[in-house]
Every structure is written in structure tokens, then in C-alpha cells.
């Protein structure tokens, strides 16, 4: 299953055991945005494990407070950031400190998807 959801701040591709999120250019992701994302995961992954993959092909900011709430999603087993941008990877390293579940950084989306599938299979 793959379903694409489009919002004013992002696009989300829903797969069987992971989501790929592309946040729009210039957005600052706040707890309000995160609430919308949490509702989506509750709809599609209520009783099954999944991984959140952030495909950072645009430049945007994140309020790291969102990770405290995101980590509370019971079925969320990990988070991956995908970017070839050096600064985005540095930012992700900082964000990683606010997240209590597995969090990895990748350059290629295929590597993140493979990691997500492995992580879900371990559950």
C-alpha cells in the first residue's frame, strides 16, 4: 500500500511499515504541525509498528520540542533523516538528542527504507 497525503506544510507517502515525509521549503515545524502528523500515524499505524522517514530535500526548521511528543507514539519504532546536505545532517545530530528511540541519518532514501524494514521486522 502506498498512499500520498498532501498538506499545506508537507507531503506524506504512507507505506506498509513506514512513512516518508517531505516538509515544504521554509516551514518551521511546530507542535501544531506535529499534532497533524501524529493523527495521521494513529489512523494508519494504530496497531502496527512503523518508522518515520524525514526526506529533507527542502530547507526548513524544526522546534526540537516536537520529539518529546513524537517519541510517545507507541507504534513508532524509529526515525530516519535522509539528506545529502551537510547542515541538515548536523541539525539532525542535534535533534537526535531529543528523541528516545532509534534515530539514524542517511544520505540515500533506499538506505533509510532498508533500515526501516529491518527495524520493523525486529519488533
N, C-alpha and C. Protein backbone atom coordinates (compact mmCIF):
# COMPACT_ATOMS: atom_id res chain seq x y z
N UNK A 1 0.85 -1.18 0.00
CA UNK A 1 0.00 0.00 0.00
C UNK A 1 0.88 1.24 0.00
N UNK A 2 0.61 2.15 -0.89
CA UNK A 2 1.24 3.46 -0.85
C UNK A 2 0.16 4.49 -1.10
N UNK A 3 0.04 5.42 -0.18
CA UNK A 3 -0.93 6.49 -0.32
C UNK A 3 -0.19 7.80 -0.08
N UNK A 4 -0.47 8.80 -0.91
CA UNK A 4 0.17 10.11 -0.77
C UNK A 4 -0.84 11.08 -0.18
N UNK A 5 -0.46 11.73 0.91
CA UNK A 5 -1.28 12.76 1.53
C UNK A 5 -0.57 14.10 1.37
N UNK A 6 -1.30 15.12 0.97
CA UNK A 6 -0.71 16.44 0.77
C UNK A 6 -1.34 17.43 1.74
N UNK A 7 -0.50 18.16 2.44
CA UNK A 7 -0.93 19.19 3.38
C UNK A 7 -0.28 20.51 2.99
N UNK A 8 -0.68 21.58 3.63
CA UNK A 8 -0.10 22.88 3.29
C UNK A 8 1.36 23.00 3.71
N UNK A 9 1.83 22.10 4.57
CA UNK A 9 3.21 22.18 5.04
C UNK A 9 4.08 20.98 4.63
N UNK A 10 3.46 19.93 4.08
CA UNK A 10 4.25 18.74 3.72
C UNK A 10 3.48 17.79 2.82
N UNK A 11 4.21 16.81 2.29
CA UNK A 11 3.64 15.66 1.60
C UNK A 11 4.08 14.42 2.37
N UNK A 12 3.16 13.47 2.52
CA UNK A 12 3.45 12.25 3.27
C UNK A 12 3.10 11.05 2.40
N UNK A 13 4.07 10.17 2.20
CA UNK A 13 3.84 8.91 1.50
C UNK A 13 3.69 7.83 2.56
N UNK A 14 2.52 7.21 2.59
CA UNK A 14 2.22 6.16 3.56
C UNK A 14 2.54 4.82 2.92
N UNK A 15 3.41 4.05 3.54
CA UNK A 15 3.75 2.70 3.08
C UNK A 15 3.31 1.72 4.17
N UNK A 16 3.52 0.44 3.95
CA UNK A 16 3.06 -0.56 4.91
C UNK A 16 3.63 -0.39 6.31
N UNK A 17 4.93 -0.13 6.41
CA UNK A 17 5.54 -0.05 7.73
C UNK A 17 6.43 1.18 7.92
N UNK A 18 6.23 2.18 7.07
CA UNK A 18 6.97 3.43 7.22
C UNK A 18 6.25 4.54 6.47
N UNK A 19 6.57 5.76 6.87
CA UNK A 19 6.10 6.94 6.15
C UNK A 19 7.32 7.72 5.68
N UNK A 20 7.20 8.35 4.53
CA UNK A 20 8.24 9.25 4.04
C UNK A 20 7.62 10.64 3.98
N UNK A 21 8.18 11.54 4.75
CA UNK A 21 7.64 12.90 4.86
C UNK A 21 8.60 13.89 4.23
N UNK A 22 8.06 14.74 3.36
CA UNK A 22 8.83 15.83 2.76
C UNK A 22 8.17 17.13 3.20
N UNK A 23 8.86 17.85 4.08
CA UNK A 23 8.37 19.14 4.58
C UNK A 23 8.66 20.20 3.52
N UNK A 24 7.74 21.13 3.35
CA UNK A 24 7.89 22.18 2.36
C UNK A 24 9.00 23.17 2.73
N UNK A 25 9.57 23.78 1.73
CA UNK A 25 10.62 24.78 1.88
C UNK A 25 10.16 25.91 2.80
N UNK A 26 11.04 26.30 3.73
CA UNK A 26 10.81 27.47 4.57
C UNK A 26 9.90 27.29 5.76
N UNK A 27 9.35 26.11 5.95
CA UNK A 27 8.43 25.83 7.07
C UNK A 27 9.24 25.73 8.38
N UNK A 28 8.64 26.15 9.47
CA UNK A 28 9.17 25.83 10.80
C UNK A 28 8.19 24.83 11.40
N UNK A 29 8.66 23.61 11.60
CA UNK A 29 7.80 22.55 12.13
C UNK A 29 7.61 22.80 13.63
N UNK A 30 6.36 23.00 14.00
CA UNK A 30 6.00 23.31 15.39
C UNK A 30 5.14 22.18 15.96
N UNK A 31 4.85 22.24 17.25
CA UNK A 31 3.95 21.22 17.82
C UNK A 31 2.61 21.13 17.09
N UNK A 32 2.11 22.23 16.54
CA UNK A 32 0.84 22.20 15.79
C UNK A 32 0.96 21.29 14.56
N UNK A 33 2.05 21.44 13.82
CA UNK A 33 2.28 20.57 12.67
C UNK A 33 2.43 19.12 13.13
N UNK A 34 3.14 18.94 14.21
CA UNK A 34 3.38 17.60 14.71
C UNK A 34 2.08 16.92 15.12
N UNK A 35 1.13 17.67 15.64
CA UNK A 35 -0.16 17.08 16.02
C UNK A 35 -0.86 16.49 14.80
N UNK A 36 -0.78 17.18 13.68
CA UNK A 36 -1.38 16.66 12.44
C UNK A 36 -0.69 15.37 12.02
N UNK A 37 0.63 15.34 12.13
CA UNK A 37 1.37 14.13 11.77
C UNK A 37 1.03 12.97 12.71
N UNK A 38 0.87 13.26 13.98
CA UNK A 38 0.52 12.22 14.96
C UNK A 38 -0.85 11.63 14.64
N UNK A 39 -1.80 12.47 14.27
CA UNK A 39 -3.14 11.98 13.92
C UNK A 39 -3.08 11.04 12.72
N UNK A 40 -2.24 11.37 11.76
CA UNK A 40 -2.09 10.51 10.58
C UNK A 40 -1.55 9.15 10.98
N UNK A 41 -0.53 9.14 11.84
CA UNK A 41 0.05 7.86 12.25
C UNK A 41 -0.95 7.05 13.07
N UNK A 42 -1.78 7.71 13.84
CA UNK A 42 -2.79 6.99 14.61
C UNK A 42 -3.83 6.36 13.68
N UNK A 43 -4.08 6.98 12.54
CA UNK A 43 -5.03 6.45 11.57
C UNK A 43 -4.47 5.24 10.84
N UNK A 44 -3.22 5.34 10.40
CA UNK A 44 -2.64 4.30 9.55
C UNK A 44 -1.85 3.23 10.32
N UNK A 45 -1.36 3.57 11.50
CA UNK A 45 -0.47 2.64 12.22
C UNK A 45 -0.90 2.44 13.67
N UNK A 46 -2.19 2.39 13.88
CA UNK A 46 -2.71 2.27 15.24
C UNK A 46 -2.21 1.02 15.96
N UNK A 47 -2.17 -0.10 15.25
CA UNK A 47 -1.77 -1.36 15.90
C UNK A 47 -0.61 -2.04 15.20
N UNK A 48 0.21 -1.29 14.48
CA UNK A 48 1.36 -1.93 13.85
C UNK A 48 2.56 -0.98 13.87
N UNK A 49 3.74 -1.56 14.04
CA UNK A 49 4.94 -0.73 14.14
C UNK A 49 5.28 -0.06 12.81
N UNK A 50 5.88 1.13 12.92
CA UNK A 50 6.29 1.85 11.73
C UNK A 50 7.49 2.74 12.03
N UNK A 51 8.13 3.20 10.98
CA UNK A 51 9.27 4.12 11.07
C UNK A 51 8.91 5.39 10.31
N UNK A 52 9.28 6.50 10.89
CA UNK A 52 9.09 7.83 10.28
C UNK A 52 10.38 8.19 9.56
N UNK A 53 10.30 8.42 8.25
CA UNK A 53 11.45 8.82 7.46
C UNK A 53 11.25 10.25 7.00
N UNK A 54 12.15 11.12 7.42
CA UNK A 54 12.12 12.53 7.03
C UNK A 54 13.07 12.72 5.85
N UNK A 55 12.51 12.92 4.65
CA UNK A 55 13.33 13.13 3.45
C UNK A 55 13.54 14.64 3.30
N UNK A 56 14.70 15.09 3.71
CA UNK A 56 14.97 16.52 3.79
C UNK A 56 15.57 17.06 2.50
N UNK A 57 14.72 17.18 1.50
CA UNK A 57 15.18 17.74 0.23
C UNK A 57 14.92 19.24 0.17
N UNK A 58 14.23 19.79 1.16
CA UNK A 58 13.99 21.23 1.27
C UNK A 58 14.63 21.76 2.55
N UNK A 59 14.79 23.06 2.60
CA UNK A 59 15.35 23.70 3.80
C UNK A 59 14.20 24.16 4.69
N UNK A 60 14.22 23.72 5.94
CA UNK A 60 13.20 24.12 6.90
C UNK A 60 13.75 23.95 8.31
N UNK A 61 13.03 24.46 9.29
CA UNK A 61 13.47 24.41 10.69
C UNK A 61 12.53 23.52 11.49
N UNK A 62 13.06 22.98 12.58
CA UNK A 62 12.26 22.12 13.46
C UNK A 62 12.43 22.59 14.89
N UNK A 63 11.32 22.75 15.57
CA UNK A 63 11.34 23.01 17.00
C UNK A 63 11.59 21.65 17.65
N UNK A 64 12.75 21.44 18.29
CA UNK A 64 13.08 20.11 18.81
C UNK A 64 12.13 19.58 19.88
N UNK A 65 11.30 20.45 20.44
CA UNK A 65 10.32 20.01 21.44
C UNK A 65 9.37 18.96 20.88
N UNK A 66 9.18 18.96 19.55
CA UNK A 66 8.24 18.01 18.96
C UNK A 66 8.66 16.57 19.19
N UNK A 67 9.96 16.35 19.37
CA UNK A 67 10.43 14.97 19.52
C UNK A 67 9.97 14.33 20.82
N UNK A 68 9.73 15.13 21.86
CA UNK A 68 9.22 14.56 23.10
C UNK A 68 7.85 13.93 22.89
N UNK A 69 6.98 14.62 22.14
CA UNK A 69 5.65 14.09 21.87
C UNK A 69 5.71 12.96 20.85
N UNK A 70 6.54 13.12 19.83
CA UNK A 70 6.66 12.09 18.80
C UNK A 70 7.11 10.76 19.40
N UNK A 71 8.04 10.81 20.33
CA UNK A 71 8.55 9.59 20.95
C UNK A 71 7.48 8.84 21.74
N UNK A 72 6.39 9.52 22.09
CA UNK A 72 5.32 8.88 22.85
C UNK A 72 4.40 8.02 21.98
N UNK A 73 4.54 8.11 20.67
CA UNK A 73 3.71 7.29 19.78
C UNK A 73 4.15 5.84 19.96
N UNK A 74 3.28 5.02 20.51
CA UNK A 74 3.65 3.66 20.87
C UNK A 74 4.11 2.81 19.71
N UNK A 75 3.48 2.97 18.55
CA UNK A 75 3.82 2.12 17.42
C UNK A 75 5.01 2.64 16.61
N UNK A 76 5.47 3.83 16.91
CA UNK A 76 6.66 4.38 16.24
C UNK A 76 7.90 3.71 16.81
N UNK A 77 8.64 3.01 15.96
CA UNK A 77 9.81 2.27 16.45
C UNK A 77 11.14 2.93 16.09
N UNK A 78 11.10 3.95 15.22
CA UNK A 78 12.34 4.63 14.86
C UNK A 78 12.09 5.79 13.94
N UNK A 79 13.12 6.62 13.79
CA UNK A 79 13.05 7.79 12.94
C UNK A 79 14.33 7.87 12.12
N UNK A 80 14.19 8.15 10.84
CA UNK A 80 15.34 8.30 9.95
C UNK A 80 15.28 9.67 9.29
N UNK A 81 16.44 10.27 9.12
CA UNK A 81 16.57 11.52 8.37
C UNK A 81 17.41 11.22 7.15
N UNK A 82 16.93 11.65 5.99
CA UNK A 82 17.65 11.44 4.74
C UNK A 82 17.98 12.80 4.14
N UNK A 83 19.28 13.04 3.94
CA UNK A 83 19.71 14.29 3.32
C UNK A 83 21.14 14.15 2.84
N UNK A 84 21.44 14.84 1.77
CA UNK A 84 22.83 14.92 1.31
C UNK A 84 23.45 16.25 1.72
N UNK A 85 22.66 17.09 2.39
CA UNK A 85 23.11 18.41 2.81
C UNK A 85 23.82 18.33 4.16
N UNK A 86 25.04 18.84 4.20
CA UNK A 86 25.86 18.77 5.42
C UNK A 86 25.15 19.42 6.61
N UNK A 87 24.61 20.62 6.42
CA UNK A 87 23.97 21.33 7.52
C UNK A 87 22.73 20.58 8.02
N UNK A 88 21.98 20.00 7.13
CA UNK A 88 20.80 19.22 7.54
C UNK A 88 21.22 18.02 8.39
N UNK A 89 22.34 17.42 8.05
CA UNK A 89 22.84 16.28 8.84
C UNK A 89 23.32 16.72 10.22
N UNK A 90 23.96 17.89 10.29
CA UNK A 90 24.39 18.43 11.59
C UNK A 90 23.16 18.72 12.45
N UNK A 91 22.14 19.34 11.85
CA UNK A 91 20.91 19.62 12.58
C UNK A 91 20.27 18.33 13.08
N UNK A 92 20.29 17.30 12.25
CA UNK A 92 19.71 16.02 12.65
C UNK A 92 20.47 15.41 13.83
N UNK A 93 21.78 15.59 13.86
CA UNK A 93 22.57 15.09 15.00
C UNK A 93 22.10 15.75 16.30
N UNK A 94 21.80 17.05 16.24
CA UNK A 94 21.29 17.76 17.42
C UNK A 94 19.90 17.26 17.78
N UNK A 95 19.05 17.11 16.78
CA UNK A 95 17.68 16.64 17.02
C UNK A 95 17.68 15.24 17.64
N UNK A 96 18.64 14.44 17.27
CA UNK A 96 18.75 13.06 17.77
C UNK A 96 18.81 13.03 19.30
N UNK A 97 19.37 14.07 19.89
CA UNK A 97 19.49 14.13 21.35
C UNK A 97 18.14 14.27 22.04
N UNK A 98 17.12 14.70 21.31
CA UNK A 98 15.79 14.92 21.88
C UNK A 98 14.86 13.73 21.67
N UNK A 99 15.32 12.70 20.99
CA UNK A 99 14.47 11.57 20.63
C UNK A 99 14.98 10.32 21.32
N UNK A 100 14.09 9.57 21.95
CA UNK A 100 14.50 8.45 22.80
C UNK A 100 14.44 7.09 22.13
N UNK A 101 14.08 7.04 20.87
CA UNK A 101 14.01 5.78 20.13
C UNK A 101 15.11 5.77 19.08
N UNK A 102 15.30 4.65 18.38
CA UNK A 102 16.33 4.61 17.34
C UNK A 102 16.17 5.76 16.34
N UNK A 103 17.27 6.40 16.02
CA UNK A 103 17.29 7.58 15.14
C UNK A 103 18.56 7.48 14.32
N UNK A 104 18.41 7.37 12.99
CA UNK A 104 19.57 7.25 12.12
C UNK A 104 19.52 8.31 11.03
N UNK A 105 20.69 8.63 10.50
CA UNK A 105 20.83 9.64 9.45
C UNK A 105 21.43 8.97 8.22
N UNK A 106 20.80 9.19 7.07
CA UNK A 106 21.23 8.57 5.82
C UNK A 106 21.39 9.61 4.72
N UNK A 107 22.15 9.24 3.72
CA UNK A 107 22.30 10.07 2.53
C UNK A 107 21.32 9.65 1.44
N UNK A 108 20.99 8.37 1.39
CA UNK A 108 20.12 7.82 0.35
C UNK A 108 18.81 7.30 0.95
N UNK A 109 17.71 7.59 0.27
CA UNK A 109 16.40 7.15 0.74
C UNK A 109 16.30 5.63 0.79
N UNK A 110 16.91 4.94 -0.16
CA UNK A 110 16.85 3.47 -0.18
C UNK A 110 17.49 2.87 1.07
N UNK A 111 18.55 3.49 1.57
CA UNK A 111 19.20 3.00 2.79
C UNK A 111 18.28 3.18 4.00
N UNK A 112 17.58 4.31 4.04
CA UNK A 112 16.66 4.56 5.15
C UNK A 112 15.49 3.57 5.11
N UNK A 113 14.98 3.29 3.92
CA UNK A 113 13.88 2.34 3.78
C UNK A 113 14.32 0.94 4.22
N UNK A 114 15.51 0.54 3.81
CA UNK A 114 16.03 -0.78 4.21
C UNK A 114 16.16 -0.86 5.74
N UNK A 115 16.70 0.21 6.34
CA UNK A 115 16.84 0.26 7.81
C UNK A 115 15.46 0.17 8.46
N UNK A 116 14.50 0.91 7.92
CA UNK A 116 13.14 0.91 8.48
C UNK A 116 12.53 -0.49 8.44
N UNK A 117 12.68 -1.17 7.32
CA UNK A 117 12.14 -2.52 7.18
C UNK A 117 12.79 -3.48 8.18
N UNK A 118 14.10 -3.36 8.34
CA UNK A 118 14.81 -4.20 9.31
C UNK A 118 14.34 -3.92 10.73
N UNK A 119 14.20 -2.63 11.05
CA UNK A 119 13.79 -2.24 12.40
C UNK A 119 12.39 -2.76 12.72
N UNK A 120 11.48 -2.64 11.77
CA UNK A 120 10.12 -3.13 11.98
C UNK A 120 10.12 -4.65 12.11
N UNK A 121 10.93 -5.33 11.33
CA UNK A 121 11.00 -6.79 11.38
C UNK A 121 11.47 -7.29 12.74
N UNK A 122 12.24 -6.49 13.45
CA UNK A 122 12.75 -6.87 14.77
C UNK A 122 11.68 -6.77 15.85
N UNK A 123 10.56 -6.13 15.56
CA UNK A 123 9.53 -5.91 16.57
C UNK A 123 8.69 -7.14 16.82
